[in-house]
């Protein structure tokens, strides 16, 4: 079983060596996008906090234990 794992690892390395630069480039690009989006969300959260409380929505409270009217 361990020989099969070693052979599989060698095959993956040999076949994947060509794709390695592309893979690292895309991983770096994804990390940059993630950082910029998280920074934008932090900035948006800071401006929302400075703007004041959120919108107030009025409604009615419904008591779930009140008896239902009979028809």
N, C-alpha and C. Protein backbone atom coordinates (compact mmCIF):
# COMPACT_ATOMS: atom_id res chain seq x y z
N UNK A 1 0.82 -1.19 0.00
CA UNK A 1 0.00 0.00 0.00
C UNK A 1 0.87 1.25 0.00
N UNK A 2 1.95 1.27 0.76
CA UNK A 2 2.81 2.44 0.81
C UNK A 2 3.53 2.64 -0.53
N UNK A 3 3.84 1.55 -1.24
CA UNK A 3 4.48 1.69 -2.55
C UNK A 3 3.54 2.38 -3.53
N UNK A 4 2.28 2.05 -3.46
CA UNK A 4 1.27 2.67 -4.32
C UNK A 4 1.18 4.17 -4.04
N UNK A 5 1.24 4.54 -2.77
CA UNK A 5 1.18 5.95 -2.39
C UNK A 5 2.39 6.70 -2.92
N UNK A 6 3.57 6.10 -2.85
CA UNK A 6 4.79 6.74 -3.34
C UNK A 6 4.72 6.90 -4.86
N UNK A 7 4.26 5.88 -5.56
CA UNK A 7 4.13 5.95 -7.03
C UNK A 7 3.13 7.04 -7.41
N UNK A 8 2.02 7.10 -6.71
CA UNK A 8 1.01 8.12 -6.98
C UNK A 8 1.57 9.52 -6.72
N UNK A 9 2.33 9.69 -5.68
CA UNK A 9 2.95 10.97 -5.38
C UNK A 9 3.93 11.38 -6.47
N UNK A 10 4.74 10.45 -6.96
CA UNK A 10 5.70 10.75 -8.03
C UNK A 10 4.96 11.13 -9.30
N UNK A 11 3.88 10.44 -9.62
CA UNK A 11 3.11 10.76 -10.83
C UNK A 11 2.50 12.14 -10.72
N UNK A 12 1.97 12.48 -9.58
CA UNK A 12 1.37 13.80 -9.38
C UNK A 12 2.44 14.88 -9.51
N UNK A 13 3.61 14.67 -8.95
CA UNK A 13 4.69 15.66 -9.03
C UNK A 13 5.17 15.82 -10.46
N UNK A 14 5.36 14.72 -11.17
CA UNK A 14 5.86 14.78 -12.55
C UNK A 14 4.84 15.45 -13.46
N UNK A 15 3.58 15.08 -13.34
CA UNK A 15 2.57 15.66 -14.20
C UNK A 15 2.19 17.08 -13.78
N UNK A 16 2.31 17.40 -12.51
CA UNK A 16 1.90 18.70 -12.01
C UNK A 16 2.98 19.75 -12.05
N UNK A 17 4.21 19.38 -12.39
CA UNK A 17 5.32 20.33 -12.37
C UNK A 17 5.12 21.42 -13.42
N UNK A 18 4.46 21.10 -14.53
CA UNK A 18 4.21 22.10 -15.56
C UNK A 18 3.17 23.11 -15.11
N UNK A 19 2.23 22.69 -14.30
CA UNK A 19 1.15 23.56 -13.85
C UNK A 19 1.52 24.36 -12.60
N UNK A 20 2.65 24.10 -12.00
CA UNK A 20 3.02 24.74 -10.74
C UNK A 20 3.12 26.26 -10.85
N UNK A 21 3.80 26.84 -11.84
CA UNK A 21 3.85 28.30 -11.92
C UNK A 21 2.46 28.94 -12.08
N UNK A 22 1.62 28.33 -12.88
CA UNK A 22 0.27 28.85 -13.07
C UNK A 22 -0.53 28.76 -11.77
N UNK A 23 -0.35 27.66 -11.05
CA UNK A 23 -1.05 27.47 -9.79
C UNK A 23 -0.62 28.50 -8.75
N UNK A 24 0.68 28.75 -8.64
CA UNK A 24 1.16 29.73 -7.67
C UNK A 24 0.72 31.15 -8.05
N UNK A 25 0.68 31.44 -9.34
CA UNK A 25 0.22 32.76 -9.79
C UNK A 25 -1.25 32.97 -9.41
N UNK A 26 -2.07 31.97 -9.68
CA UNK A 26 -3.49 32.11 -9.36
C UNK A 26 -3.73 32.15 -7.86
N UNK A 27 -2.93 31.44 -7.09
CA UNK A 27 -3.07 31.49 -5.63
C UNK A 27 -2.69 32.88 -5.10
N UNK A 28 -1.65 33.47 -5.64
CA UNK A 28 -1.26 34.82 -5.25
C UNK A 28 -2.32 35.84 -5.63
N UNK A 29 -2.89 35.68 -6.81
CA UNK A 29 -3.94 36.59 -7.26
C UNK A 29 -5.16 36.47 -6.35
N UNK A 30 -5.51 35.26 -5.98
CA UNK A 30 -6.66 35.05 -5.09
C UNK A 30 -6.40 35.66 -3.72
N UNK A 31 -5.19 35.54 -3.23
CA UNK A 31 -4.85 36.12 -1.92
C UNK A 31 -4.94 37.64 -1.97
N UNK A 32 -4.47 38.26 -3.06
CA UNK A 32 -4.56 39.71 -3.19
C UNK A 32 -6.01 40.17 -3.25
N UNK A 33 -6.84 39.45 -3.99
CA UNK A 33 -8.26 39.80 -4.09
C UNK A 33 -8.92 39.67 -2.73
N UNK A 34 -8.61 38.61 -2.01
CA UNK A 34 -9.19 38.40 -0.68
C UNK A 34 -8.81 39.53 0.26
N UNK A 35 -7.54 39.93 0.25
CA UNK A 35 -7.08 41.01 1.12
C UNK A 35 -7.78 42.32 0.79
N UNK A 36 -7.89 42.63 -0.50
CA UNK A 36 -8.50 43.90 -0.88
C UNK A 36 -10.00 43.91 -0.54
N UNK A 37 -10.67 42.79 -0.72
CA UNK A 37 -12.09 42.73 -0.38
C UNK A 37 -12.31 42.82 1.12
N UNK A 38 -11.48 42.16 1.91
CA UNK A 38 -11.64 42.25 3.36
C UNK A 38 -11.33 43.65 3.85
N UNK A 39 -10.35 44.31 3.24
CA UNK A 39 -10.04 45.70 3.59
C UNK A 39 -11.22 46.61 3.25
N UNK A 40 -11.85 46.38 2.09
CA UNK A 40 -13.00 47.18 1.68
C UNK A 40 -14.18 46.98 2.63
N UNK A 41 -14.39 45.74 3.08
CA UNK A 41 -15.46 45.48 4.04
C UNK A 41 -15.20 46.17 5.37
N UNK A 42 -13.94 46.18 5.82
CA UNK A 42 -13.60 46.88 7.06
C UNK A 42 -13.85 48.36 6.92
N UNK A 43 -13.44 48.95 5.80
CA UNK A 43 -13.65 50.37 5.56
C UNK A 43 -15.14 50.69 5.50
N UNK A 44 -15.92 49.84 4.85
CA UNK A 44 -17.36 50.05 4.75
C UNK A 44 -18.01 49.96 6.13
N UNK A 45 -17.56 49.03 6.94
CA UNK A 45 -18.09 48.89 8.29
C UNK A 45 -17.77 50.11 9.13
N UNK A 46 -16.60 50.70 8.96
CA UNK A 46 -16.21 51.88 9.72
C UNK A 46 -17.07 53.08 9.31
N UNK A 47 -17.36 53.22 8.03
CA UNK A 47 -18.19 54.34 7.58
C UNK A 47 -19.64 54.13 7.99
N UNK A 48 -20.12 52.90 8.03
CA UNK A 48 -21.49 52.63 8.47
C UNK A 48 -21.65 52.94 9.95
N UNK A 49 -20.63 52.64 10.76
CA UNK A 49 -20.68 52.94 12.18
C UNK A 49 -20.67 54.44 12.42
N UNK A 50 -19.94 55.18 11.63
CA UNK A 50 -19.85 56.62 11.78
C UNK A 50 -21.14 57.30 11.33
N UNK A 51 -21.90 56.69 10.44
CA UNK A 51 -23.13 57.30 9.91
C UNK A 51 -24.25 57.27 10.94
N UNK A 52 -24.19 56.42 11.92
CA UNK A 52 -25.23 56.37 12.94
C UNK A 52 -25.94 55.05 12.92
N UNK A 53 -27.05 54.99 13.70
CA UNK A 53 -27.78 53.72 13.77
C UNK A 53 -28.46 53.39 12.44
N UNK A 54 -28.83 52.14 12.32
CA UNK A 54 -29.47 51.68 11.09
C UNK A 54 -30.90 52.17 10.96
N UNK A 55 -31.55 51.77 9.94
CA UNK A 55 -32.92 52.16 9.65
C UNK A 55 -33.86 51.48 10.64
N UNK A 56 -34.88 52.21 11.10
CA UNK A 56 -35.85 51.67 12.04
C UNK A 56 -37.07 51.20 11.25
N UNK A 57 -37.46 49.97 11.49
CA UNK A 57 -38.63 49.41 10.84
C UNK A 57 -39.68 49.15 11.91
N UNK A 58 -40.84 49.76 11.75
CA UNK A 58 -41.91 49.57 12.73
C UNK A 58 -42.73 48.34 12.35
N UNK A 59 -43.26 47.69 13.35
CA UNK A 59 -44.07 46.50 13.11
C UNK A 59 -44.91 46.19 14.32
N UNK A 60 -45.61 45.09 14.27
CA UNK A 60 -46.43 44.67 15.39
C UNK A 60 -45.88 43.37 15.94
N UNK A 61 -46.02 43.22 17.25
CA UNK A 61 -45.55 42.02 17.92
C UNK A 61 -46.69 41.02 17.93
N UNK A 62 -46.42 39.82 17.51
CA UNK A 62 -47.42 38.77 17.47
C UNK A 62 -47.09 37.77 18.56
N UNK A 63 -48.05 37.55 19.43
CA UNK A 63 -47.86 36.60 20.52
C UNK A 63 -48.18 35.21 20.00
N UNK A 64 -47.22 34.32 20.00
CA UNK A 64 -47.40 32.98 19.46
C UNK A 64 -48.29 32.09 20.30
N UNK A 65 -48.51 32.48 21.58
CA UNK A 65 -49.29 31.64 22.47
C UNK A 65 -50.74 32.11 22.60
N UNK A 66 -51.12 33.15 21.90
CA UNK A 66 -52.50 33.65 21.99
C UNK A 66 -53.43 32.67 21.29
N UNK A 67 -54.63 32.46 21.83
CA UNK A 67 -55.56 31.52 21.19
C UNK A 67 -56.00 32.04 19.82
N UNK A 68 -56.20 31.14 18.90
CA UNK A 68 -56.65 31.47 17.54
C UNK A 68 -58.16 31.68 17.56
N UNK A 69 -58.66 32.64 16.80
CA UNK A 69 -60.11 32.85 16.75
C UNK A 69 -60.79 31.68 16.05
N UNK A 70 -62.00 31.36 16.52
CA UNK A 70 -62.77 30.26 15.93
C UNK A 70 -63.59 30.79 14.76
N UNK A 71 -63.74 29.97 13.75
CA UNK A 71 -64.52 30.36 12.57
C UNK A 71 -65.89 29.77 12.62
